[in-house]
Amino acid sequence: GLISGFTADNITSEPLITSITVTPTFTNGGVSSEGDPLTFTITVNPTAQVDPVDSLDICNGDTAVVDFTTSNGGVDSVTTYSWEITGGDSVFVGGALSDVGNINLPVINETNADLVATVTVTPTYTNDGVDCTGPSEEFTITVNPTPDIIPFDDLFI
């Protein structure tokens, strides 16, 4: 017979592994004989997740640094992060507006107003060659302009 389909849920932060043993039985003329059992495992990975990131508020000329983390684990597992920046075309100097890994980008703001970019990061949990993509998180990077002093004429009293 077949093992009927089922939905596996894993609400933990580690892979769940279970073993299933199947023993075949052949019946003919009222006589039954058992065959060799077959054991296999099923691994259910956790949903990929990225820990929330606080929005950044940085100064013109600084570097936006974000190190992504996760609460997921597993002996041979790894979580990677792909990210995309929108609204930051004029903010990030010489950097890609999408990449994989952590963020380490110099910023520039040559205006007199705050410039705000939105970052969307998507985690992928990989275990035993299986990739599981999780829900994205968003945060903002605000780049403040350099304060400017407006000169004024000498005052006479």
N, C-alpha and C. Protein backbone atom coordinates (compact mmCIF):
# COMPACT_ATOMS: atom_id res chain seq x y z
N GLY A 1 0.82 -1.17 0.00
CA GLY A 1 0.00 0.00 0.00
C GLY A 1 0.87 1.24 0.00
N LEU A 2 0.22 2.32 -0.15
CA LEU A 2 0.87 3.62 -0.16
C LEU A 2 0.72 4.30 1.18
N ILE A 3 1.72 5.11 1.53
CA ILE A 3 1.57 6.00 2.68
C ILE A 3 0.81 7.20 2.16
N SER A 4 -0.33 7.45 2.74
CA SER A 4 -1.15 8.56 2.23
C SER A 4 -0.46 9.89 2.50
N GLY A 5 -0.75 10.86 1.65
CA GLY A 5 -0.16 12.18 1.78
C GLY A 5 -0.52 12.83 3.09
N PHE A 6 0.36 13.68 3.57
CA PHE A 6 0.12 14.40 4.81
C PHE A 6 0.85 15.73 4.77
N THR A 7 0.44 16.64 5.61
CA THR A 7 1.09 17.93 5.73
C THR A 7 1.94 17.91 6.99
N ALA A 8 3.22 18.25 6.83
CA ALA A 8 4.13 18.27 7.97
C ALA A 8 4.33 19.72 8.42
N ASP A 9 4.20 19.95 9.70
CA ASP A 9 4.39 21.28 10.28
C ASP A 9 5.56 21.24 11.24
N ASN A 10 6.38 22.28 11.20
CA ASN A 10 7.47 22.42 12.15
C ASN A 10 7.43 23.86 12.65
N ILE A 11 7.00 24.04 13.90
CA ILE A 11 6.91 25.39 14.47
C ILE A 11 8.09 25.68 15.40
N THR A 12 9.11 24.80 15.34
CA THR A 12 10.31 25.02 16.15
C THR A 12 11.35 25.77 15.32
N SER A 13 12.52 25.97 15.90
CA SER A 13 13.61 26.64 15.17
C SER A 13 14.69 25.66 14.72
N GLU A 14 14.45 24.37 14.88
CA GLU A 14 15.40 23.32 14.50
C GLU A 14 14.70 22.34 13.55
N PRO A 15 15.45 21.62 12.73
CA PRO A 15 14.84 20.59 11.90
C PRO A 15 14.26 19.48 12.78
N LEU A 16 13.11 18.96 12.39
CA LEU A 16 12.51 17.81 13.08
C LEU A 16 12.71 16.59 12.20
N ILE A 17 13.22 15.52 12.78
CA ILE A 17 13.53 14.31 12.02
C ILE A 17 12.78 13.14 12.65
N THR A 18 12.10 12.39 11.82
CA THR A 18 11.40 11.20 12.29
C THR A 18 11.77 10.02 11.41
N SER A 19 11.78 8.83 11.99
CA SER A 19 12.07 7.61 11.25
C SER A 19 10.78 6.82 11.05
N ILE A 20 10.65 6.24 9.88
CA ILE A 20 9.50 5.40 9.55
C ILE A 20 10.03 4.05 9.10
N THR A 21 9.49 3.00 9.66
CA THR A 21 9.88 1.65 9.27
C THR A 21 8.67 0.97 8.62
N VAL A 22 8.89 0.42 7.43
CA VAL A 22 7.84 -0.27 6.69
C VAL A 22 8.25 -1.73 6.57
N THR A 23 7.36 -2.61 6.98
CA THR A 23 7.61 -4.04 6.86
C THR A 23 6.60 -4.63 5.88
N PRO A 24 7.07 -5.18 4.74
CA PRO A 24 6.13 -5.74 3.76
C PRO A 24 5.66 -7.13 4.21
N THR A 25 4.40 -7.41 3.90
CA THR A 25 3.82 -8.73 4.17
C THR A 25 3.17 -9.24 2.90
N PHE A 26 3.51 -10.49 2.54
CA PHE A 26 2.92 -11.13 1.37
C PHE A 26 2.02 -12.27 1.86
N THR A 27 0.75 -12.24 1.40
CA THR A 27 -0.20 -13.27 1.80
C THR A 27 -0.66 -14.02 0.56
N ASN A 28 -0.58 -15.35 0.62
CA ASN A 28 -1.03 -16.20 -0.48
C ASN A 28 -1.60 -17.48 0.11
N GLY A 29 -2.87 -17.76 -0.25
CA GLY A 29 -3.49 -18.99 0.23
C GLY A 29 -3.57 -19.07 1.74
N GLY A 30 -3.75 -17.94 2.38
CA GLY A 30 -3.88 -17.92 3.83
C GLY A 30 -2.56 -17.97 4.57
N VAL A 31 -1.45 -17.99 3.85
CA VAL A 31 -0.13 -18.01 4.49
C VAL A 31 0.53 -16.65 4.26
N SER A 32 1.00 -16.03 5.34
CA SER A 32 1.64 -14.72 5.25
C SER A 32 3.12 -14.84 5.54
N SER A 33 3.90 -14.10 4.77
CA SER A 33 5.35 -14.05 4.97
C SER A 33 5.78 -12.58 5.04
N GLU A 34 6.62 -12.27 6.03
CA GLU A 34 7.13 -10.90 6.16
C GLU A 34 8.47 -10.78 5.44
N GLY A 35 8.64 -9.63 4.80
CA GLY A 35 9.90 -9.32 4.14
C GLY A 35 10.79 -8.50 5.04
N ASP A 36 11.92 -8.12 4.52
CA ASP A 36 12.85 -7.29 5.29
C ASP A 36 12.27 -5.89 5.46
N PRO A 37 12.35 -5.36 6.68
CA PRO A 37 11.85 -3.99 6.89
C PRO A 37 12.74 -2.95 6.20
N LEU A 38 12.12 -1.85 5.84
CA LEU A 38 12.83 -0.72 5.24
C LEU A 38 12.58 0.48 6.14
N THR A 39 13.66 1.14 6.56
CA THR A 39 13.55 2.32 7.42
C THR A 39 14.05 3.53 6.66
N PHE A 40 13.31 4.62 6.74
CA PHE A 40 13.73 5.88 6.14
C PHE A 40 13.36 7.02 7.07
N THR A 41 13.93 8.18 6.81
CA THR A 41 13.64 9.33 7.65
C THR A 41 12.97 10.43 6.83
N ILE A 42 12.23 11.23 7.54
CA ILE A 42 11.63 12.45 6.96
C ILE A 42 12.11 13.61 7.83
N THR A 43 12.68 14.62 7.18
CA THR A 43 13.13 15.82 7.88
C THR A 43 12.22 16.97 7.50
N VAL A 44 11.69 17.65 8.51
CA VAL A 44 10.86 18.83 8.29
C VAL A 44 11.64 20.03 8.82
N ASN A 45 12.07 20.88 7.90
CA ASN A 45 12.84 22.07 8.28
C ASN A 45 11.93 23.13 8.86
N PRO A 46 12.48 23.99 9.72
CA PRO A 46 11.69 25.12 10.21
C PRO A 46 11.51 26.15 9.10
N THR A 47 10.55 27.02 9.27
CA THR A 47 10.36 28.13 8.34
C THR A 47 11.55 29.07 8.48
N ALA A 48 12.12 29.48 7.35
CA ALA A 48 13.23 30.43 7.40
C ALA A 48 12.74 31.73 8.03
N GLN A 49 13.58 32.35 8.85
CA GLN A 49 13.21 33.63 9.46
C GLN A 49 14.44 34.48 9.66
N VAL A 50 14.21 35.78 9.64
CA VAL A 50 15.27 36.75 9.95
C VAL A 50 14.78 37.56 11.14
N ASP A 51 15.67 37.77 12.12
CA ASP A 51 15.30 38.57 13.27
C ASP A 51 15.00 40.00 12.82
N PRO A 52 14.01 40.64 13.44
CA PRO A 52 13.68 42.02 13.06
C PRO A 52 14.89 42.94 13.18
N VAL A 53 14.96 43.90 12.27
CA VAL A 53 16.06 44.88 12.25
C VAL A 53 15.48 46.25 12.57
N ASP A 54 16.11 46.94 13.52
CA ASP A 54 15.69 48.30 13.83
C ASP A 54 16.08 49.21 12.67
N SER A 55 15.23 50.17 12.37
CA SER A 55 15.55 51.13 11.33
C SER A 55 16.80 51.92 11.73
N LEU A 56 17.60 52.28 10.73
CA LEU A 56 18.83 53.03 10.98
C LEU A 56 18.60 54.50 10.70
N ASP A 57 19.26 55.33 11.47
CA ASP A 57 19.25 56.77 11.27
C ASP A 57 20.72 57.18 11.32
N ILE A 58 21.32 57.45 10.14
CA ILE A 58 22.77 57.70 10.08
C ILE A 58 23.05 59.02 9.39
N CYS A 59 24.31 59.44 9.46
CA CYS A 59 24.72 60.73 8.92
C CYS A 59 25.33 60.60 7.53
N ASN A 60 25.27 61.67 6.81
CA ASN A 60 25.93 61.78 5.51
C ASN A 60 27.40 61.38 5.65
N GLY A 61 27.87 60.53 4.74
CA GLY A 61 29.27 60.11 4.76
C GLY A 61 29.55 58.88 5.61
N ASP A 62 28.57 58.42 6.40
CA ASP A 62 28.76 57.21 7.21
C ASP A 62 28.58 55.96 6.36
N THR A 63 28.66 54.81 7.00
CA THR A 63 28.44 53.54 6.32
C THR A 63 27.27 52.84 6.97
N ALA A 64 26.32 52.39 6.15
CA ALA A 64 25.19 51.61 6.64
C ALA A 64 25.66 50.18 6.84
N VAL A 65 25.65 49.72 8.10
CA VAL A 65 26.09 48.36 8.42
C VAL A 65 24.94 47.62 9.09
N VAL A 66 24.54 46.50 8.49
CA VAL A 66 23.48 45.67 9.06
C VAL A 66 23.95 44.22 8.99
N ASP A 67 24.04 43.57 10.15
CA ASP A 67 24.37 42.15 10.23
C ASP A 67 23.09 41.40 10.56
N PHE A 68 22.60 40.62 9.61
CA PHE A 68 21.35 39.88 9.80
C PHE A 68 21.58 38.66 10.68
N THR A 69 20.56 38.32 11.49
CA THR A 69 20.63 37.15 12.38
C THR A 69 19.31 36.39 12.31
N THR A 70 19.34 35.18 12.86
CA THR A 70 18.15 34.34 12.92
C THR A 70 18.15 33.55 14.22
N SER A 71 16.98 33.11 14.63
CA SER A 71 16.91 32.23 15.80
C SER A 71 16.90 30.77 15.37
N ASN A 72 16.87 30.50 14.06
CA ASN A 72 16.88 29.12 13.56
C ASN A 72 18.25 28.50 13.77
N GLY A 73 18.25 27.18 13.94
CA GLY A 73 19.49 26.46 14.13
C GLY A 73 19.46 25.14 13.40
N GLY A 74 20.37 24.31 13.75
CA GLY A 74 20.52 23.00 13.13
C GLY A 74 21.99 22.76 12.88
N VAL A 75 22.45 21.54 13.09
CA VAL A 75 23.87 21.22 13.01
C VAL A 75 24.47 21.59 11.66
N ASP A 76 23.85 21.17 10.58
CA ASP A 76 24.41 21.40 9.25
C ASP A 76 23.62 22.42 8.45
N SER A 77 22.86 23.25 9.13
CA SER A 77 22.00 24.21 8.43
C SER A 77 22.66 25.58 8.38
N VAL A 78 22.18 26.39 7.44
CA VAL A 78 22.66 27.77 7.33
C VAL A 78 21.49 28.62 6.83
N THR A 79 21.42 29.84 7.32
CA THR A 79 20.42 30.80 6.83
C THR A 79 21.16 31.89 6.09
N THR A 80 20.73 32.16 4.87
CA THR A 80 21.30 33.24 4.07
C THR A 80 20.24 34.31 3.89
N TYR A 81 20.68 35.49 3.52
CA TYR A 81 19.77 36.64 3.43
C TYR A 81 19.98 37.35 2.10
N SER A 82 18.90 37.51 1.36
CA SER A 82 18.96 38.34 0.15
C SER A 82 18.19 39.62 0.48
N TRP A 83 18.69 40.74 -0.02
CA TRP A 83 18.05 42.01 0.31
C TRP A 83 17.99 42.91 -0.92
N GLU A 84 17.03 43.83 -0.86
CA GLU A 84 16.83 44.80 -1.93
C GLU A 84 16.50 46.14 -1.30
N ILE A 85 17.10 47.20 -1.84
CA ILE A 85 16.86 48.55 -1.35
C ILE A 85 16.05 49.31 -2.39
N THR A 86 14.97 49.93 -1.94
CA THR A 86 14.17 50.78 -2.83
C THR A 86 14.18 52.20 -2.27
N GLY A 87 14.14 53.14 -3.17
CA GLY A 87 14.15 54.54 -2.77
C GLY A 87 15.51 55.03 -2.34
N GLY A 88 16.56 54.29 -2.65
CA GLY A 88 17.88 54.68 -2.19
C GLY A 88 18.87 54.94 -3.31
N ASP A 89 18.35 55.17 -4.52
CA ASP A 89 19.24 55.34 -5.67
C ASP A 89 20.29 56.41 -5.45
N SER A 90 19.93 57.51 -4.82
CA SER A 90 20.87 58.62 -4.68
C SER A 90 21.57 58.59 -3.31
N VAL A 91 21.34 57.54 -2.51
CA VAL A 91 21.88 57.50 -1.16
C VAL A 91 23.14 56.63 -1.06
N PHE A 92 23.13 55.50 -1.73
CA PHE A 92 24.21 54.52 -1.58
C PHE A 92 25.27 54.71 -2.66
N VAL A 93 26.50 54.88 -2.23
CA VAL A 93 27.60 55.21 -3.14
C VAL A 93 28.26 53.93 -3.62
N GLY A 94 28.23 53.70 -4.92
CA GLY A 94 28.98 52.61 -5.51
C GLY A 94 28.59 51.23 -5.07
N GLY A 95 27.44 51.07 -4.45
CA GLY A 95 27.00 49.76 -3.97
C GLY A 95 25.80 49.27 -4.75
N ALA A 96 25.64 47.97 -4.76
CA ALA A 96 24.47 47.38 -5.40
C ALA A 96 23.25 47.67 -4.53
N LEU A 97 22.12 47.79 -5.18
CA LEU A 97 20.89 48.01 -4.43
C LEU A 97 20.18 46.69 -4.12
N SER A 98 20.83 45.59 -4.46
CA SER A 98 20.37 44.26 -4.04
C SER A 98 21.59 43.35 -3.98
N ASP A 99 21.55 42.41 -3.05
CA ASP A 99 22.69 41.52 -2.88
C ASP A 99 22.29 40.41 -1.91
N VAL A 100 23.26 39.56 -1.58
CA VAL A 100 23.07 38.49 -0.63
C VAL A 100 24.09 38.69 0.49
N GLY A 101 23.68 38.46 1.73
CA GLY A 101 24.58 38.60 2.87
C GLY A 101 24.21 39.81 3.71
N ASN A 102 25.18 40.32 4.45
CA ASN A 102 24.96 41.50 5.29
C ASN A 102 25.12 42.76 4.45
N ILE A 103 24.72 43.89 5.03
CA ILE A 103 24.83 45.18 4.34
C ILE A 103 26.00 45.96 4.93
N ASN A 104 26.83 46.51 4.05
CA ASN A 104 27.95 47.36 4.45
C ASN A 104 28.17 48.34 3.30
N LEU A 105 27.40 49.43 3.30
CA LEU A 105 27.43 50.37 2.18
C LEU A 105 27.64 51.80 2.65
N PRO A 106 28.58 52.52 2.03
CA PRO A 106 28.73 53.95 2.34
C PRO A 106 27.52 54.72 1.80
N VAL A 107 27.15 55.78 2.50
CA VAL A 107 25.99 56.58 2.09
C VAL A 107 26.41 58.03 1.88
N ILE A 108 25.58 58.72 1.11
CA ILE A 108 25.81 60.14 0.88
C ILE A 108 24.46 60.84 0.78
N ASN A 109 24.40 62.02 1.32
CA ASN A 109 23.21 62.85 1.22
C ASN A 109 23.66 64.28 0.99
N GLU A 110 23.58 64.73 -0.25
CA GLU A 110 24.02 66.08 -0.59
C GLU A 110 22.85 67.05 -0.67
N THR A 111 21.72 66.67 -0.08
CA THR A 111 20.56 67.55 -0.06
C THR A 111 20.47 68.21 1.31
N ASN A 112 19.41 68.97 1.52
CA ASN A 112 19.15 69.58 2.81
C ASN A 112 18.04 68.87 3.57
N ALA A 113 17.64 67.69 3.10
CA ALA A 113 16.55 66.94 3.72
C ALA A 113 17.00 65.51 3.99
N ASP A 114 16.28 64.83 4.89
CA ASP A 114 16.55 63.41 5.14
C ASP A 114 16.21 62.61 3.89
N LEU A 115 17.03 61.62 3.56
CA LEU A 115 16.73 60.69 2.47
C LEU A 115 16.46 59.33 3.10
N VAL A 116 15.35 58.70 2.70
CA VAL A 116 14.93 57.45 3.31
C VAL A 116 14.89 56.35 2.26
N ALA A 117 15.55 55.24 2.57
CA ALA A 117 15.53 54.06 1.71
C ALA A 117 14.87 52.93 2.49
N THR A 118 14.11 52.10 1.80
CA THR A 118 13.47 50.93 2.42
C THR A 118 14.25 49.68 2.02
N VAL A 119 14.54 48.85 3.02
CA VAL A 119 15.26 47.60 2.79
C VAL A 119 14.30 46.44 3.05
N THR A 120 14.23 45.52 2.08
CA THR A 120 13.44 44.30 2.23
C THR A 120 14.43 43.14 2.23
N VAL A 121 14.44 42.37 3.32
CA VAL A 121 15.36 41.24 3.45
C VAL A 121 14.54 39.95 3.50
N THR A 122 15.00 38.94 2.73
CA THR A 122 14.31 37.65 2.66
C THR A 122 15.28 36.55 3.08
N PRO A 123 14.89 35.76 4.12
CA PRO A 123 15.77 34.68 4.58
C PRO A 123 15.53 33.38 3.81
N THR A 124 16.61 32.60 3.64
CA THR A 124 16.50 31.25 3.08
C THR A 124 17.25 30.31 4.01
N TYR A 125 16.53 29.31 4.50
CA TYR A 125 17.10 28.30 5.39
C TYR A 125 17.49 27.10 4.54
N THR A 126 18.76 26.67 4.64
CA THR A 126 19.24 25.54 3.86
C THR A 126 19.72 24.45 4.81
N ASN A 127 19.17 23.24 4.61
CA ASN A 127 19.55 22.09 5.42
C ASN A 127 19.54 20.86 4.53
N ASP A 128 20.65 20.15 4.51
CA ASP A 128 20.77 18.91 3.74
C ASP A 128 20.39 19.10 2.27
N GLY A 129 20.80 20.25 1.71
CA GLY A 129 20.57 20.51 0.29
C GLY A 129 19.18 21.01 -0.05
N VAL A 130 18.33 21.22 0.95
CA VAL A 130 16.97 21.70 0.71
C VAL A 130 16.88 23.16 1.16
N ASP A 131 16.42 24.04 0.24
CA ASP A 131 16.25 25.46 0.54
C ASP A 131 14.80 25.75 0.89
N CYS A 132 14.60 26.47 1.98
CA CYS A 132 13.26 26.90 2.41
C CYS A 132 13.30 28.41 2.59
N THR A 133 12.52 29.13 1.79
CA THR A 133 12.48 30.59 1.85
C THR A 133 11.38 31.01 2.80
N GLY A 134 11.69 31.99 3.65
CA GLY A 134 10.72 32.47 4.64
C GLY A 134 10.20 33.85 4.30
N PRO A 135 9.34 34.37 5.17
CA PRO A 135 8.75 35.69 4.93
C PRO A 135 9.79 36.80 5.05
N SER A 136 9.60 37.85 4.26
CA SER A 136 10.50 39.00 4.25
C SER A 136 10.22 39.94 5.41
N GLU A 137 11.24 40.68 5.79
CA GLU A 137 11.13 41.75 6.78
C GLU A 137 11.54 43.06 6.11
N GLU A 138 10.97 44.17 6.57
CA GLU A 138 11.33 45.49 6.04
C GLU A 138 11.81 46.40 7.15
N PHE A 139 12.73 47.29 6.81
CA PHE A 139 13.16 48.35 7.71
C PHE A 139 13.65 49.50 6.84
N THR A 140 13.90 50.65 7.45
CA THR A 140 14.35 51.81 6.68
C THR A 140 15.75 52.24 7.12
N ILE A 141 16.43 52.89 6.19
CA ILE A 141 17.69 53.55 6.47
C ILE A 141 17.50 55.01 6.10
N THR A 142 17.59 55.87 7.11
CA THR A 142 17.45 57.31 6.90
C THR A 142 18.83 57.93 6.95
N VAL A 143 19.18 58.67 5.89
CA VAL A 143 20.47 59.35 5.83
C VAL A 143 20.22 60.84 6.02
N ASN A 144 20.74 61.36 7.13
CA ASN A 144 20.56 62.77 7.45
C ASN A 144 21.57 63.61 6.68
N PRO A 145 21.20 64.83 6.29
CA PRO A 145 22.16 65.70 5.59
C PRO A 145 23.20 66.24 6.56
N THR A 146 24.29 66.73 6.01
CA THR A 146 25.30 67.39 6.82
C THR A 146 24.73 68.74 7.25
N PRO A 147 24.79 69.06 8.55
CA PRO A 147 24.29 70.36 8.99
C PRO A 147 25.06 71.48 8.30
N ASP A 148 24.35 72.52 7.95
CA ASP A 148 24.96 73.61 7.21
C ASP A 148 24.70 74.92 7.95
N ILE A 149 25.75 75.70 8.15
CA ILE A 149 25.60 77.01 8.78
C ILE A 149 25.55 78.04 7.67
N ILE A 150 24.52 78.84 7.70
CA ILE A 150 24.37 79.88 6.69
C ILE A 150 25.06 81.14 7.21
N PRO A 151 26.09 81.60 6.49
CA PRO A 151 26.81 82.79 6.97
C PRO A 151 25.90 84.03 6.92
N PHE A 152 26.11 84.91 7.83
CA PHE A 152 25.38 86.16 7.79
C PHE A 152 26.37 87.31 7.96
N ASP A 153 25.96 88.48 7.53
CA ASP A 153 26.82 89.65 7.58
C ASP A 153 27.18 90.01 9.03
N ASP A 154 28.32 90.70 9.16
CA ASP A 154 28.74 91.17 10.48
C ASP A 154 27.66 92.08 11.04
N LEU A 155 27.45 91.95 12.32
CA LEU A 155 26.47 92.80 12.98
C LEU A 155 27.17 94.03 13.55
N PHE A 156 26.57 95.19 13.35
CA PHE A 156 27.10 96.43 13.92
C PHE A 156 26.11 96.95 14.94
N ILE A 157 26.65 97.38 16.06
CA ILE A 157 25.79 97.92 17.10
C ILE A 157 26.04 99.40 17.22
